[in-house]
């Protein structure tokens, strides 16, 4: 049985080793052998036992089936975890289809892992039973961990996937709770920025103010509710997080632990990204679209997007504890690791412009590759 502390120490050691050899893993097979299998071994699985780790396991009994996964973790001969591998350093978001097909084809598979050897995305079926979620509930980035260690939240979530602790029902429930917490946080942060009519009506009903006209709510009550929300929750939270020497223009909020820090970090990220886009905007269309740039928080990363999360995806943000953060843009741009937000200006402008064109003209999608060639 692997303890939390043992897992934390092993994860840090694995992260440092993986980062040091990742450039030598130039194809999928070397990625599997030298990066992915050691990660599964860290979780307590016997990678030398074909009855526990089965490569190229088909979905069903037909060995010729086209629905396969790179590694299936077996329990009593039945796949319970599916692992799909991509070449080291490759982007993952565009490679979820095969993993989803395998997950959906086998009801006993309850955890899916998509990885390039240093970035691991973990999925469950929290929204529709038997259907893999569109987004991961946990993202583990070994490059970030190698520099500054793993957060308690990541280690605890990963501990639930170890051989001694793994339980299909438990991990699905834990992932669902985590996702709900993230959505609740996102909801309250969004309301702090601009309260919705439904939220206003709920609050007014709760304090005994009933039958209020929409025009009165919009003109009078909505600003009051937003101000009260900020004064009672957001401002105290930010005051507690303020660190001497770190001014309001700082992009990264230093880690202090707790849910409040995560909410403040998300507010900070969106504010800074919108500021950069306003600086970079070269048309009125681009300037007007900035207010529709949003984000969604997952364990280990924050997804930043324009208008629609999937179609308008801009980049994934992964905070580094040493001040160097990772920005994962779609191919062919890839990852940018920096401690200066201005370093992503070119990539941010290209991808944002691409999303504006794609969403405004769906019949003739804009080619991102042409803009960065």
Protein backbone atom coordinates (compact mmCIF):
# COMPACT_ATOMS: atom_id res chain seq x y z
CA UNK A 1 0.00 0.00 0.00
CA UNK A 2 1.43 3.36 -1.07
CA UNK A 3 0.99 6.20 1.40
CA UNK A 4 0.35 9.81 0.42
CA UNK A 5 3.86 10.84 1.45
CA UNK A 6 5.45 7.93 -0.42
CA UNK A 7 3.46 8.81 -3.52
CA UNK A 8 4.48 12.46 -3.26
CA UNK A 9 8.18 11.61 -2.98
CA UNK A 10 7.98 9.03 -5.75
CA UNK A 11 6.09 11.43 -8.02
CA UNK A 12 8.74 14.12 -7.58
CA UNK A 13 11.56 11.66 -8.32
CA UNK A 14 9.73 10.31 -11.38
CA UNK A 15 8.98 13.83 -12.62
CA UNK A 16 12.62 14.87 -12.45
CA UNK A 17 13.76 11.72 -14.23
CA UNK A 18 11.07 11.96 -16.91
CA UNK A 19 11.87 15.58 -17.68
CA UNK A 20 15.58 14.78 -17.95
CA UNK A 21 15.02 12.05 -20.57
CA UNK A 22 11.93 13.28 -22.44
CA UNK A 23 13.91 14.71 -25.34
CA UNK A 24 15.37 11.24 -25.99
CA UNK A 25 11.86 9.79 -26.34
CA UNK A 26 11.37 10.70 -29.98
CA UNK A 27 8.63 8.23 -30.85
CA UNK A 28 5.57 6.67 -29.28
CA UNK A 29 7.25 3.40 -28.33
CA UNK A 30 10.08 5.07 -26.41
CA UNK A 31 7.50 7.30 -24.71
CA UNK A 32 5.57 4.24 -23.57
CA UNK A 33 8.64 2.34 -22.42
CA UNK A 34 10.58 5.06 -20.60
CA UNK A 35 7.89 7.51 -19.49
CA UNK A 36 4.45 5.88 -19.28
CA UNK A 37 5.28 2.47 -17.81
CA UNK A 38 7.33 4.03 -14.95
CA UNK A 39 4.30 6.21 -14.14
CA UNK A 40 2.03 3.14 -13.96
CA UNK A 41 4.66 1.43 -11.82
CA UNK A 42 4.63 4.41 -9.45
CA UNK A 43 0.90 3.84 -8.99
CA UNK A 44 1.66 0.32 -7.82
CA UNK A 45 0.86 -1.69 -10.94
CA UNK A 46 3.16 -4.52 -12.02
CA UNK A 47 4.22 -3.51 -15.52
CA UNK A 48 5.97 -6.87 -15.98
CA UNK A 49 2.73 -8.84 -15.47
CA UNK A 50 0.62 -9.25 -18.66
CA UNK A 51 -2.33 -10.23 -16.47
CA UNK A 52 -2.21 -6.78 -14.91
CA UNK A 53 -0.92 -4.49 -17.67
CA UNK A 54 -1.97 -5.59 -21.14
CA UNK A 55 -0.64 -3.71 -24.21
CA UNK A 56 -2.81 -3.09 -27.27
CA UNK A 57 -5.85 -4.57 -25.56
CA UNK A 58 -8.86 -4.69 -27.94
CA UNK A 59 -12.36 -3.73 -26.83
CA UNK A 60 -13.93 -7.18 -26.68
CA UNK A 61 -12.71 -10.63 -27.60
CA UNK A 62 -11.86 -10.00 -31.25
CA UNK A 63 -8.08 -9.43 -31.49
CA UNK A 64 -8.64 -7.79 -34.88
CA UNK A 65 -10.88 -5.10 -33.37
CA UNK A 66 -9.86 -1.58 -34.38
CA UNK A 67 -10.92 -0.23 -30.99
CA UNK A 68 -7.80 -0.69 -28.86
CA UNK A 69 -5.91 1.09 -26.13
CA UNK A 70 -2.14 1.24 -25.67
CA UNK A 71 -2.35 -0.21 -22.15
CA UNK A 72 -5.27 -1.70 -20.26
CA UNK A 73 -4.98 -2.15 -16.50
CA UNK A 74 -6.74 -5.42 -15.70
CA UNK A 75 -8.54 -6.59 -12.61
CA UNK A 76 -9.48 -10.27 -12.63
CA UNK A 77 -8.86 -10.29 -16.37
CA UNK A 78 -11.18 -7.35 -17.06
CA UNK A 79 -9.95 -3.89 -18.18
CA UNK A 80 -10.75 -1.24 -15.56
CA UNK A 81 -8.30 1.50 -16.62
CA UNK A 82 -7.48 2.50 -20.20
CA UNK A 83 -4.25 4.32 -21.08
CA UNK A 84 -3.68 5.98 -24.45
CA UNK A 85 -0.18 7.25 -25.27
CA UNK A 86 1.08 9.95 -27.61
CA UNK A 87 4.64 10.90 -28.48
CA UNK A 88 6.48 12.97 -25.89
CA UNK A 89 5.70 16.72 -25.99
CA UNK A 90 2.73 16.31 -28.34
CA UNK A 91 -0.55 18.11 -27.59
CA UNK A 92 -3.27 15.89 -26.15
CA UNK A 93 -6.60 17.62 -26.72
CA UNK A 94 -6.94 16.39 -30.30
CA UNK A 95 -6.26 12.74 -29.42
CA UNK A 96 -9.16 11.93 -27.13
CA UNK A 97 -11.31 10.17 -29.73
CA UNK A 98 -9.70 6.71 -29.62
CA UNK A 99 -9.61 6.71 -25.83
CA UNK A 100 -13.25 7.78 -25.66
CA UNK A 101 -14.28 5.01 -28.08
CA UNK A 102 -12.53 2.39 -25.93
CA UNK A 103 -13.94 3.77 -22.67
CA UNK A 104 -17.48 3.89 -24.05
CA UNK A 105 -17.25 0.37 -25.51
CA UNK A 106 -16.37 -1.30 -22.20
CA UNK A 107 -18.64 -0.63 -19.21
CA UNK A 108 -16.07 -1.98 -16.74
CA UNK A 109 -13.51 0.67 -17.72
CA UNK A 110 -14.10 3.54 -15.32
CA UNK A 111 -10.87 5.52 -15.58
CA UNK A 112 -9.17 6.72 -18.77
CA UNK A 113 -5.68 8.22 -18.99
CA UNK A 114 -4.38 10.20 -21.96
CA UNK A 115 -0.67 11.00 -21.85
CA UNK A 116 2.41 12.09 -23.74
CA UNK A 117 4.67 10.80 -20.99
CA UNK A 118 4.99 14.02 -19.01
CA UNK A 119 1.43 15.32 -19.17
CA UNK A 120 -1.31 12.98 -17.90
CA UNK A 121 -5.03 13.72 -18.28
CA UNK A 122 -7.45 11.56 -16.26
CA UNK A 123 -11.10 11.12 -17.29
CA UNK A 124 -14.18 9.46 -15.80
CA UNK A 125 -17.87 9.38 -16.73
CA UNK A 126 -19.20 11.96 -14.29
CA UNK A 127 -21.81 13.44 -16.63
CA UNK A 128 -23.26 10.43 -18.48
CA UNK A 129 -22.74 6.97 -17.06
CA UNK A 130 -20.62 4.87 -19.42
CA UNK A 131 -19.58 7.84 -21.58
CA UNK A 132 -16.18 9.45 -21.05
CA UNK A 133 -16.32 13.11 -20.08
CA UNK A 134 -15.16 15.66 -22.64
CA UNK A 135 -12.69 17.20 -20.19
CA UNK A 136 -10.32 15.62 -17.64
CA UNK A 137 -11.05 15.88 -13.94
CA UNK A 138 -7.32 15.80 -13.19
CA UNK A 139 -4.24 17.00 -15.08
CA UNK A 140 -0.79 15.94 -13.87
CA UNK A 141 2.13 17.82 -15.43
CA UNK A 142 5.48 16.27 -14.56
CA UNK A 143 7.40 19.29 -15.86
CA UNK A 144 5.67 21.53 -13.34
CA UNK A 145 6.09 18.96 -10.56
CA UNK A 146 9.80 18.53 -11.36
CA UNK A 147 10.40 22.22 -10.69
CA UNK A 148 8.33 22.72 -7.58
CA UNK A 149 6.63 19.54 -6.39
CA UNK A 150 2.98 18.46 -6.53
CA UNK A 151 0.07 20.13 -4.77
CA UNK A 152 -1.87 18.23 -2.11
CA UNK A 153 -4.90 18.22 -4.38
CA UNK A 154 -3.06 16.46 -7.22
CA UNK A 155 -1.36 13.91 -4.95
CA UNK A 156 -4.61 13.04 -3.16
CA UNK A 157 -6.52 12.68 -6.43
CA UNK A 158 -3.75 10.56 -7.93
CA UNK A 159 -3.62 8.41 -4.80
CA UNK A 160 -7.16 7.26 -5.56
CA UNK A 161 -5.86 5.75 -8.82
CA UNK A 162 -3.14 3.63 -7.18
CA UNK A 163 -3.52 -0.14 -7.24
CA UNK A 164 -4.15 -0.43 -3.51
CA UNK A 165 -6.74 2.35 -3.43
CA UNK A 166 -8.41 2.15 -6.83
CA UNK A 167 -12.12 1.51 -6.74
CA UNK A 168 -14.19 2.26 -9.86
CA UNK A 169 -17.17 3.62 -7.93
CA UNK A 170 -15.10 5.63 -5.50
CA UNK A 171 -12.94 7.34 -8.10
CA UNK A 172 -15.95 8.23 -10.23
CA UNK A 173 -17.69 9.72 -7.21
CA UNK A 174 -14.56 11.60 -6.10
CA UNK A 175 -14.05 12.98 -9.59
CA UNK A 176 -17.68 14.07 -9.77
CA UNK A 177 -17.38 15.90 -6.44
CA UNK A 178 -14.21 17.61 -7.64
CA UNK A 179 -15.83 18.72 -10.88
CA UNK A 180 -18.90 20.03 -9.05
CA UNK A 181 -16.67 22.03 -6.69
CA UNK A 182 -14.88 23.55 -9.64
CA UNK A 183 -18.16 24.46 -11.35
CA UNK A 184 -19.53 26.01 -8.17
CA UNK A 185 -16.39 28.10 -7.81
CA UNK A 186 -16.64 29.17 -11.44
CA UNK A 187 -20.30 30.06 -10.98
CA UNK A 188 -19.69 32.25 -7.94
CA UNK A 189 -16.70 33.97 -9.54
CA UNK A 190 -18.79 34.67 -12.66
CA UNK A 191 -21.58 36.10 -10.52
CA UNK A 192 -19.07 38.36 -8.79
CA UNK A 193 -18.13 39.77 -12.21
CA UNK A 194 -21.70 40.19 -13.44
CA UNK A 195 -24.72 38.82 -11.60
CA UNK A 196 -27.36 37.09 -13.74
CA UNK A 197 -31.12 37.89 -13.52
CA UNK A 198 -31.83 34.41 -12.13
CA UNK A 199 -29.24 34.85 -9.41
CA UNK A 200 -30.63 38.31 -8.58
CA UNK A 201 -34.14 36.90 -8.26
CA UNK A 202 -32.89 34.09 -6.01
CA UNK A 203 -31.06 36.52 -3.72
CA UNK A 204 -33.95 38.99 -3.59
CA UNK A 205 -36.45 36.21 -2.82
CA UNK A 206 -34.16 34.97 -0.06
CA UNK A 207 -34.15 38.36 1.69
CA UNK A 208 -37.87 38.97 1.25
CA UNK A 209 -37.86 41.28 -1.78
CA UNK A 210 -40.42 39.74 -4.14
CA UNK A 211 -42.19 40.48 -7.42
CA UNK A 212 -39.51 42.85 -8.69
CA UNK A 213 -39.61 44.03 -12.30
CA UNK A 214 -36.70 43.05 -14.55
CA UNK A 215 -35.93 46.67 -15.39
CA UNK A 216 -35.68 47.56 -11.69
CA UNK A 217 -33.42 44.58 -11.04
CA UNK A 218 -31.10 45.52 -13.89
CA UNK A 219 -30.93 49.22 -12.99
CA UNK A 220 -30.95 49.11 -9.19
CA UNK A 221 -30.68 45.73 -7.51
CA UNK A 222 -28.07 44.00 -9.73
CA UNK A 223 -25.32 46.56 -8.92
CA UNK A 224 -26.20 46.32 -5.21
CA UNK A 225 -25.99 42.53 -5.25
CA UNK A 226 -22.71 42.52 -7.15
CA UNK A 227 -21.17 45.07 -4.77
CA UNK A 228 -22.36 43.10 -1.75
CA UNK A 229 -20.97 39.91 -3.25
CA UNK A 230 -17.58 41.51 -3.83
CA UNK A 231 -17.44 43.24 -0.43
CA UNK A 232 -18.41 40.16 1.55
CA UNK A 233 -16.51 37.46 -0.39
CA UNK A 234 -14.14 38.55 -3.14
CA UNK A 235 -12.42 41.56 -1.53
CA UNK A 236 -11.68 39.81 1.80
CA UNK A 237 -10.38 36.83 -0.14
CA UNK A 238 -7.99 38.96 -2.20
CA UNK A 239 -6.88 40.88 0.88
CA UNK A 240 -5.92 37.62 2.59
CA UNK A 241 -3.97 36.60 -0.50
CA UNK A 242 -2.02 39.84 -0.90
CA UNK A 243 1.72 39.24 -0.60
CA UNK A 244 4.19 42.07 0.17
CA UNK A 245 6.13 43.01 -2.94
CA UNK A 246 3.64 41.49 -5.36
CA UNK A 247 1.73 44.26 -7.07
CA UNK A 248 -1.65 44.09 -8.83
CA UNK A 249 0.05 43.76 -12.23
CA UNK A 250 1.56 40.41 -11.27
CA UNK A 251 0.24 37.58 -13.41
CA UNK A 252 0.71 34.71 -10.98
CA UNK A 253 -0.74 34.78 -7.48
CA UNK A 254 1.59 32.94 -5.14
CA UNK A 255 0.33 29.66 -3.73
CA UNK A 256 -1.29 29.97 -0.33
CA UNK A 257 -3.51 26.88 -0.39
CA UNK A 258 -7.26 26.58 -0.18
CA UNK A 259 -10.16 27.18 -2.51
CA UNK A 260 -10.02 30.97 -2.14
CA UNK A 261 -6.57 31.07 -3.73
CA UNK A 262 -7.80 29.09 -6.72
CA UNK A 263 -10.73 31.44 -7.30
CA UNK A 264 -8.47 34.49 -7.01
CA UNK A 265 -5.96 32.93 -9.41
CA UNK A 266 -8.68 32.38 -12.00
CA UNK A 267 -9.89 35.99 -11.68
CA UNK A 268 -6.30 37.16 -12.08
CA UNK A 269 -5.63 35.01 -15.15
CA UNK A 270 -8.69 36.14 -17.06
CA UNK A 271 -8.03 39.78 -16.17
CA UNK A 272 -4.44 39.57 -17.41
CA UNK A 273 -5.32 37.71 -20.60
CA UNK A 274 -8.01 40.25 -21.45
CA UNK A 275 -5.54 43.06 -20.81
CA UNK A 276 -3.00 41.49 -23.15
CA UNK A 277 -5.62 40.96 -25.85
CA UNK A 278 -6.75 44.58 -25.53
CA UNK A 279 -3.15 45.64 -26.03
CA UNK A 280 -2.75 43.30 -29.02
CA UNK A 281 -6.11 44.00 -30.68
CA UNK A 282 -5.74 45.42 -34.18
CA UNK A 283 -9.43 45.65 -35.07
CA UNK A 284 -12.70 46.70 -33.48
CA UNK A 285 -14.01 43.16 -33.95
CA UNK A 286 -11.17 41.70 -31.90
CA UNK A 287 -11.53 44.36 -29.23
CA UNK A 288 -15.28 43.78 -28.86
CA UNK A 289 -14.79 40.01 -28.59
CA UNK A 290 -12.43 40.19 -25.61
CA UNK A 291 -15.23 40.25 -23.05
CA UNK A 292 -16.24 36.75 -24.22
CA UNK A 293 -12.87 35.27 -23.23
CA UNK A 294 -13.54 32.95 -20.31
CA UNK A 295 -11.91 30.12 -18.40
CA UNK A 296 -12.79 26.85 -16.71
CA UNK A 297 -10.86 25.35 -13.82
CA UNK A 298 -9.75 21.72 -13.65
CA UNK A 299 -7.47 20.00 -11.17
CA UNK A 300 -3.97 20.90 -12.32
CA UNK A 301 -4.88 23.33 -15.09
CA UNK A 302 -7.15 26.15 -16.24
CA UNK A 303 -8.65 26.05 -19.73
CA UNK A 304 -8.96 29.49 -21.37
CA UNK A 305 -11.35 29.84 -24.28
CA UNK A 306 -13.33 32.29 -26.40
CA UNK A 307 -17.13 32.01 -26.31
CA UNK A 308 -17.37 28.17 -26.45
CA UNK A 309 -15.05 25.94 -24.44
CA UNK A 310 -14.23 23.35 -27.10
CA UNK A 311 -14.64 25.23 -30.38
CA UNK A 312 -13.13 28.41 -28.95
CA UNK A 313 -10.23 26.82 -27.05
CA UNK A 314 -7.23 29.18 -26.72
CA UNK A 315 -4.82 27.47 -24.34
CA UNK A 316 -4.42 25.50 -21.10
CA UNK A 317 -2.67 27.31 -18.25
CA UNK A 318 -0.66 25.34 -15.68
CA UNK A 319 0.80 27.33 -12.81
CA UNK A 320 4.38 26.77 -11.77
CA UNK A 321 5.39 27.24 -8.15
CA UNK A 322 8.73 28.79 -9.14
CA UNK A 323 7.18 31.64 -11.13
CA UNK A 324 7.54 29.93 -14.52
CA UNK A 325 4.10 28.98 -15.84
CA UNK A 326 3.14 26.72 -18.74
CA UNK A 327 0.79 27.74 -21.55
CA UNK A 328 -0.34 24.84 -23.76
CA UNK A 329 -1.54 26.20 -27.09
CA UNK A 330 -3.03 24.00 -29.84
CA UNK A 331 -0.70 22.58 -32.49
CA UNK A 332 1.44 23.68 -34.20
CA UNK A 333 2.33 26.21 -31.47
CA UNK A 334 2.50 23.82 -28.52
CA UNK A 335 3.78 24.76 -25.08
CA UNK A 336 5.36 27.98 -23.88
CA UNK A 337 7.03 28.06 -20.44
CA UNK A 338 7.71 31.57 -19.15
CA UNK A 339 7.52 33.97 -16.21
CA UNK A 340 6.53 36.88 -18.47
CA UNK A 341 3.02 37.05 -19.84
CA UNK A 342 4.22 39.13 -22.78
CA UNK A 343 6.10 36.09 -24.07
CA UNK A 344 2.82 34.53 -25.22
CA UNK A 345 1.66 37.61 -27.14
CA UNK A 346 2.31 36.25 -30.63
CA UNK A 347 0.72 32.87 -29.94
CA UNK A 348 -2.22 34.43 -28.10
CA UNK A 349 -3.01 36.85 -30.91
CA UNK A 350 -2.76 34.17 -33.62
CA UNK A 351 -4.97 31.66 -31.79
CA UNK A 352 -7.51 34.28 -30.69
CA UNK A 353 -7.76 35.58 -34.25
CA UNK A 354 -8.19 32.03 -35.52
CA UNK A 355 -11.04 31.35 -33.10
CA UNK A 356 -12.81 34.58 -34.07
CA UNK A 357 -12.69 33.60 -37.73
CA UNK A 358 -13.69 29.97 -37.11
CA UNK A 359 -16.70 30.81 -34.98
CA UNK A 360 -17.90 33.62 -37.22
CA UNK A 361 -17.53 31.58 -40.45
CA UNK A 362 -18.06 27.89 -39.61
CA UNK A 363 -18.43 26.90 -43.25
CA UNK A 364 -14.87 28.01 -44.07
CA UNK A 365 -12.77 27.26 -40.99
CA UNK A 366 -9.67 29.33 -40.46
CA UNK A 367 -6.41 27.36 -40.70
CA UNK A 368 -4.29 28.02 -37.64
CA UNK A 369 -1.22 26.40 -39.20
CA UNK A 370 -1.18 28.94 -41.99
CA UNK A 371 -0.81 31.76 -39.47
CA UNK A 372 2.23 30.39 -37.73
CA UNK A 373 4.07 28.94 -40.75
